[in-house]
Amino acid sequence: MLKKKHFLCLRNGCLLFAALILCAALIAAAASALAAPKEAAEKLAPAVRVNINKADQATLEKLLGIGPVKAKAIIDGRPYRNIEDVMNIKGIKGKTYDAIKGRIIVE
C-alpha cells in the first residue's frame, strides 16, 4: 500500500503530466488555426489560367506565392501588356514568377 507521501508525489506527477499534455494540445490547436487559412484556400484546377488584367483579388490569391498584398499590387498595377510585366510588382521575381508564369495570361 502506498504511503500518503508517495501518493502525493504520484498525484503531482500526474498533474504535471496532464499539464504538459494540455500545453501540447493548445500549441497544436494554435498551429493548426494559423495554418487553416492556407489549407482552406481553394487551389486552381491544373488547366485554369488567370487573366491578371481581369481577375479579382480572391482569384489572384489562389496562385502559388500570391497573398493578399501581392494580389492587391497586381490589381493596382493594371493593365499588363504581357505576363512578364507582372515582375514589375515588388516581390514577384524569380521563384514566384516561375511558379505562376504557366498559370497566368494577359488578354
N, C-alpha and C. Protein backbone atom coordinates (compact mmCIF):
# COMPACT_ATOMS: atom_id res chain seq x y z
N MET A 1 0.85 -1.17 0.00
CA MET A 1 0.00 0.00 0.00
C MET A 1 0.89 1.24 0.00
N LEU A 2 0.47 2.24 -0.73
CA LEU A 2 1.25 3.46 -0.85
C LEU A 2 1.08 4.33 0.38
N LYS A 3 2.18 4.91 0.80
CA LYS A 3 2.10 5.85 1.90
C LYS A 3 1.55 7.16 1.35
N LYS A 4 1.02 7.97 2.22
CA LYS A 4 0.42 9.24 1.81
C LYS A 4 1.44 10.10 1.08
N LYS A 5 2.69 10.11 1.52
CA LYS A 5 3.74 10.92 0.91
C LYS A 5 3.95 10.49 -0.55
N HIS A 6 4.01 9.19 -0.82
CA HIS A 6 4.21 8.67 -2.17
C HIS A 6 2.99 8.94 -3.03
N PHE A 7 1.82 8.84 -2.45
CA PHE A 7 0.59 9.09 -3.20
C PHE A 7 0.56 10.53 -3.71
N LEU A 8 0.98 11.49 -2.87
CA LEU A 8 1.00 12.88 -3.30
C LEU A 8 2.00 13.09 -4.44
N CYS A 9 3.16 12.42 -4.36
CA CYS A 9 4.15 12.54 -5.45
C CYS A 9 3.58 11.99 -6.75
N LEU A 10 2.90 10.87 -6.67
CA LEU A 10 2.29 10.31 -7.88
C LEU A 10 1.21 11.25 -8.41
N ARG A 11 0.41 11.77 -7.53
CA ARG A 11 -0.66 12.67 -7.95
C ARG A 11 -0.07 13.94 -8.57
N ASN A 12 0.95 14.52 -7.96
CA ASN A 12 1.59 15.71 -8.51
C ASN A 12 2.26 15.40 -9.84
N GLY A 13 2.85 14.22 -9.95
CA GLY A 13 3.46 13.81 -11.21
C GLY A 13 2.41 13.69 -12.30
N CYS A 14 1.25 13.14 -11.95
CA CYS A 14 0.17 13.03 -12.91
C CYS A 14 -0.35 14.41 -13.30
N LEU A 15 -0.42 15.31 -12.34
CA LEU A 15 -0.86 16.67 -12.65
C LEU A 15 0.12 17.37 -13.59
N LEU A 16 1.40 17.16 -13.33
CA LEU A 16 2.42 17.74 -14.20
C LEU A 16 2.31 17.16 -15.61
N PHE A 17 2.14 15.86 -15.69
CA PHE A 17 1.99 15.20 -16.99
C PHE A 17 0.74 15.71 -17.70
N ALA A 18 -0.36 15.85 -16.99
CA ALA A 18 -1.59 16.36 -17.58
C ALA A 18 -1.41 17.80 -18.05
N ALA A 19 -0.69 18.58 -17.28
CA ALA A 19 -0.43 19.97 -17.68
C ALA A 19 0.41 20.03 -18.95
N LEU A 20 1.40 19.16 -19.06
CA LEU A 20 2.22 19.10 -20.27
C LEU A 20 1.40 18.68 -21.48
N ILE A 21 0.53 17.72 -21.30
CA ILE A 21 -0.35 17.27 -22.39
C ILE A 21 -1.27 18.39 -22.82
N LEU A 22 -1.82 19.11 -21.85
CA LEU A 22 -2.70 20.24 -22.16
C LEU A 22 -1.95 21.32 -22.93
N CYS A 23 -0.74 21.64 -22.52
CA CYS A 23 0.07 22.64 -23.23
C CYS A 23 0.35 22.19 -24.66
N ALA A 24 0.69 20.94 -24.83
CA ALA A 24 0.96 20.42 -26.17
C ALA A 24 -0.30 20.50 -27.04
N ALA A 25 -1.44 20.19 -26.46
CA ALA A 25 -2.69 20.26 -27.22
C ALA A 25 -3.01 21.70 -27.60
N LEU A 26 -2.78 22.64 -26.72
CA LEU A 26 -3.03 24.06 -27.02
C LEU A 26 -2.09 24.57 -28.11
N ILE A 27 -0.84 24.16 -28.06
CA ILE A 27 0.12 24.57 -29.09
C ILE A 27 -0.28 23.99 -30.44
N ALA A 28 -0.68 22.73 -30.45
CA ALA A 28 -1.10 22.10 -31.70
C ALA A 28 -2.35 22.78 -32.26
N ALA A 29 -3.29 23.13 -31.39
CA ALA A 29 -4.51 23.80 -31.84
C ALA A 29 -4.20 25.18 -32.41
N ALA A 30 -3.29 25.90 -31.77
CA ALA A 30 -2.91 27.23 -32.26
C ALA A 30 -2.20 27.12 -33.60
N ALA A 31 -1.33 26.14 -33.75
CA ALA A 31 -0.61 25.97 -35.01
C ALA A 31 -1.57 25.61 -36.14
N SER A 32 -2.53 24.75 -35.88
CA SER A 32 -3.48 24.39 -36.93
C SER A 32 -4.40 25.55 -37.26
N ALA A 33 -4.73 26.37 -36.27
CA ALA A 33 -5.57 27.54 -36.53
C ALA A 33 -4.84 28.54 -37.42
N LEU A 34 -3.54 28.68 -37.23
CA LEU A 34 -2.76 29.58 -38.07
C LEU A 34 -2.60 29.03 -39.48
N ALA A 35 -2.51 27.73 -39.60
CA ALA A 35 -2.33 27.11 -40.91
C ALA A 35 -3.64 26.93 -41.65
N ALA A 36 -4.76 27.00 -40.97
CA ALA A 36 -6.05 26.74 -41.58
C ALA A 36 -6.38 27.61 -42.78
N PRO A 37 -6.14 28.93 -42.74
CA PRO A 37 -6.49 29.73 -43.91
C PRO A 37 -5.76 29.29 -45.18
N LYS A 38 -4.50 28.89 -45.08
CA LYS A 38 -3.76 28.45 -46.25
C LYS A 38 -4.29 27.13 -46.75
N GLU A 39 -4.60 26.21 -45.83
CA GLU A 39 -5.10 24.92 -46.24
C GLU A 39 -6.51 25.04 -46.79
N ALA A 40 -7.30 25.95 -46.26
CA ALA A 40 -8.68 26.09 -46.67
C ALA A 40 -8.80 26.80 -48.01
N ALA A 41 -7.76 27.54 -48.40
CA ALA A 41 -7.82 28.26 -49.66
C ALA A 41 -7.96 27.28 -50.82
N GLU A 42 -8.84 27.62 -51.73
CA GLU A 42 -9.04 26.77 -52.89
C GLU A 42 -7.82 26.86 -53.79
N LYS A 43 -7.52 25.75 -54.41
CA LYS A 43 -6.44 25.72 -55.39
C LYS A 43 -7.09 25.80 -56.77
N LEU A 44 -6.33 26.29 -57.71
CA LEU A 44 -6.82 26.35 -59.08
C LEU A 44 -6.68 24.99 -59.73
N ALA A 45 -7.62 24.65 -60.58
CA ALA A 45 -7.51 23.42 -61.35
C ALA A 45 -6.30 23.53 -62.27
N PRO A 46 -5.66 22.42 -62.59
CA PRO A 46 -4.42 22.47 -63.38
C PRO A 46 -4.55 23.21 -64.72
N ALA A 47 -5.69 23.12 -65.38
CA ALA A 47 -5.84 23.74 -66.70
C ALA A 47 -6.29 25.20 -66.63
N VAL A 48 -6.60 25.70 -65.46
CA VAL A 48 -7.12 27.06 -65.33
C VAL A 48 -6.00 28.07 -65.46
N ARG A 49 -6.23 29.10 -66.28
CA ARG A 49 -5.30 30.21 -66.43
C ARG A 49 -6.00 31.46 -65.93
N VAL A 50 -5.28 32.30 -65.22
CA VAL A 50 -5.84 33.50 -64.62
C VAL A 50 -5.42 34.72 -65.45
N ASN A 51 -6.41 35.49 -65.89
CA ASN A 51 -6.14 36.72 -66.61
C ASN A 51 -5.81 37.80 -65.58
N ILE A 52 -4.56 38.21 -65.52
CA ILE A 52 -4.14 39.16 -64.48
C ILE A 52 -4.69 40.56 -64.71
N ASN A 53 -5.24 40.83 -65.88
CA ASN A 53 -5.87 42.12 -66.14
C ASN A 53 -7.33 42.16 -65.68
N LYS A 54 -7.94 41.00 -65.45
CA LYS A 54 -9.37 40.97 -65.12
C LYS A 54 -9.71 40.24 -63.82
N ALA A 55 -8.82 39.42 -63.32
CA ALA A 55 -9.13 38.58 -62.15
C ALA A 55 -9.32 39.43 -60.90
N ASP A 56 -10.24 38.96 -60.04
CA ASP A 56 -10.43 39.64 -58.76
C ASP A 56 -9.35 39.20 -57.77
N GLN A 57 -9.32 39.85 -56.64
CA GLN A 57 -8.27 39.58 -55.65
C GLN A 57 -8.30 38.13 -55.16
N ALA A 58 -9.48 37.61 -54.90
CA ALA A 58 -9.59 36.23 -54.39
C ALA A 58 -9.02 35.23 -55.38
N THR A 59 -9.27 35.45 -56.66
CA THR A 59 -8.74 34.55 -57.68
C THR A 59 -7.23 34.65 -57.77
N LEU A 60 -6.70 35.86 -57.72
CA LEU A 60 -5.25 36.05 -57.77
C LEU A 60 -4.57 35.39 -56.58
N GLU A 61 -5.21 35.40 -55.42
CA GLU A 61 -4.64 34.79 -54.22
C GLU A 61 -4.55 33.27 -54.32
N LYS A 62 -5.23 32.67 -55.26
CA LYS A 62 -5.16 31.22 -55.45
C LYS A 62 -3.88 30.81 -56.17
N LEU A 63 -3.20 31.78 -56.75
CA LEU A 63 -1.93 31.50 -57.41
C LEU A 63 -0.85 31.23 -56.36
N LEU A 64 0.02 30.28 -56.63
CA LEU A 64 1.08 29.91 -55.70
C LEU A 64 1.99 31.09 -55.42
N GLY A 65 2.16 31.44 -54.16
CA GLY A 65 3.05 32.52 -53.75
C GLY A 65 2.42 33.90 -53.76
N ILE A 66 1.14 33.98 -54.10
CA ILE A 66 0.46 35.27 -54.14
C ILE A 66 -0.52 35.35 -52.97
N GLY A 67 -0.25 36.29 -52.08
CA GLY A 67 -1.13 36.53 -50.94
C GLY A 67 -1.92 37.81 -51.17
N PRO A 68 -2.60 38.28 -50.14
CA PRO A 68 -3.44 39.47 -50.28
C PRO A 68 -2.67 40.72 -50.72
N VAL A 69 -1.48 40.93 -50.21
CA VAL A 69 -0.72 42.14 -50.54
C VAL A 69 -0.27 42.11 -52.00
N LYS A 70 0.27 40.99 -52.45
CA LYS A 70 0.71 40.88 -53.84
C LYS A 70 -0.48 40.91 -54.79
N ALA A 71 -1.58 40.29 -54.41
CA ALA A 71 -2.78 40.31 -55.27
C ALA A 71 -3.27 41.74 -55.45
N LYS A 72 -3.29 42.50 -54.37
CA LYS A 72 -3.71 43.91 -54.45
C LYS A 72 -2.74 44.70 -55.32
N ALA A 73 -1.44 44.43 -55.20
CA ALA A 73 -0.44 45.12 -56.01
C ALA A 73 -0.60 44.77 -57.50
N ILE A 74 -0.95 43.52 -57.79
CA ILE A 74 -1.20 43.13 -59.18
C ILE A 74 -2.39 43.91 -59.74
N ILE A 75 -3.45 44.02 -58.95
CA ILE A 75 -4.63 44.77 -59.37
C ILE A 75 -4.27 46.24 -59.59
N ASP A 76 -3.52 46.81 -58.67
CA ASP A 76 -3.14 48.23 -58.78
C ASP A 76 -2.20 48.50 -59.95
N GLY A 77 -1.48 47.48 -60.41
CA GLY A 77 -0.52 47.66 -61.49
C GLY A 77 -1.10 47.47 -62.89
N ARG A 78 -2.38 47.23 -62.99
CA ARG A 78 -3.01 47.01 -64.29
C ARG A 78 -3.00 48.26 -65.13
N PRO A 79 -3.03 48.15 -66.43
CA PRO A 79 -3.08 46.96 -67.28
C PRO A 79 -1.68 46.43 -67.59
N TYR A 80 -1.63 45.16 -67.94
CA TYR A 80 -0.39 44.50 -68.33
C TYR A 80 -0.46 44.16 -69.81
N ARG A 81 0.65 44.36 -70.52
CA ARG A 81 0.71 44.02 -71.94
C ARG A 81 1.09 42.56 -72.14
N ASN A 82 1.97 42.04 -71.27
CA ASN A 82 2.37 40.63 -71.33
C ASN A 82 2.59 40.13 -69.91
N ILE A 83 2.71 38.83 -69.77
CA ILE A 83 2.80 38.27 -68.42
C ILE A 83 4.09 38.67 -67.71
N GLU A 84 5.13 38.96 -68.45
CA GLU A 84 6.40 39.36 -67.82
C GLU A 84 6.27 40.69 -67.09
N ASP A 85 5.30 41.52 -67.48
CA ASP A 85 5.11 42.81 -66.82
C ASP A 85 4.77 42.66 -65.33
N VAL A 86 4.25 41.50 -64.95
CA VAL A 86 3.90 41.28 -63.55
C VAL A 86 5.15 41.29 -62.66
N MET A 87 6.32 41.09 -63.28
CA MET A 87 7.56 41.11 -62.49
C MET A 87 7.93 42.53 -62.04
N ASN A 88 7.20 43.53 -62.50
CA ASN A 88 7.41 44.90 -62.01
C ASN A 88 6.81 45.08 -60.61
N ILE A 89 6.00 44.12 -60.17
CA ILE A 89 5.41 44.16 -58.83
C ILE A 89 6.45 43.71 -57.83
N LYS A 90 6.59 44.48 -56.75
CA LYS A 90 7.55 44.14 -55.70
C LYS A 90 7.23 42.75 -55.14
N GLY A 91 8.24 41.89 -55.10
CA GLY A 91 8.08 40.55 -54.53
C GLY A 91 7.73 39.49 -55.56
N ILE A 92 7.49 39.89 -56.80
CA ILE A 92 7.19 38.90 -57.83
C ILE A 92 8.37 38.88 -58.80
N LYS A 93 9.33 38.09 -58.45
CA LYS A 93 10.53 37.90 -59.25
C LYS A 93 10.91 36.43 -59.12
N GLY A 94 11.88 35.99 -59.83
CA GLY A 94 12.45 34.66 -59.68
C GLY A 94 11.48 33.53 -59.42
N LYS A 95 11.53 32.99 -58.21
CA LYS A 95 10.75 31.80 -57.85
C LYS A 95 9.25 32.04 -57.95
N THR A 96 8.80 33.19 -57.49
CA THR A 96 7.36 33.47 -57.54
C THR A 96 6.90 33.55 -58.98
N TYR A 97 7.63 34.26 -59.80
CA TYR A 97 7.25 34.37 -61.21
C TYR A 97 7.30 33.00 -61.89
N ASP A 98 8.34 32.22 -61.62
CA ASP A 98 8.44 30.88 -62.21
C ASP A 98 7.26 30.00 -61.81
N ALA A 99 6.77 30.19 -60.57
CA ALA A 99 5.65 29.37 -60.08
C ALA A 99 4.33 29.75 -60.74
N ILE A 100 4.18 31.01 -61.15
CA ILE A 100 2.88 31.45 -61.68
C ILE A 100 2.85 31.66 -63.20
N LYS A 101 4.00 31.72 -63.85
CA LYS A 101 4.02 32.10 -65.27
C LYS A 101 3.21 31.15 -66.15
N GLY A 102 3.12 29.91 -65.82
CA GLY A 102 2.32 28.97 -66.60
C GLY A 102 0.84 29.02 -66.27
N ARG A 103 0.49 29.78 -65.24
CA ARG A 103 -0.91 29.86 -64.77
C ARG A 103 -1.56 31.19 -65.08
N ILE A 104 -0.79 32.17 -65.61
CA ILE A 104 -1.37 33.49 -65.86
C ILE A 104 -1.38 33.81 -67.36
N ILE A 105 -2.34 34.63 -67.74
CA ILE A 105 -2.44 35.12 -69.10
C ILE A 105 -2.78 36.61 -69.06
N VAL A 106 -2.61 37.25 -70.23
CA VAL A 106 -2.99 38.65 -70.38
C VAL A 106 -3.86 38.72 -71.63
N GLU A 107 -5.05 39.26 -71.50
CA GLU A 107 -5.94 39.42 -72.66
C GLU A 107 -6.46 40.83 -72.69
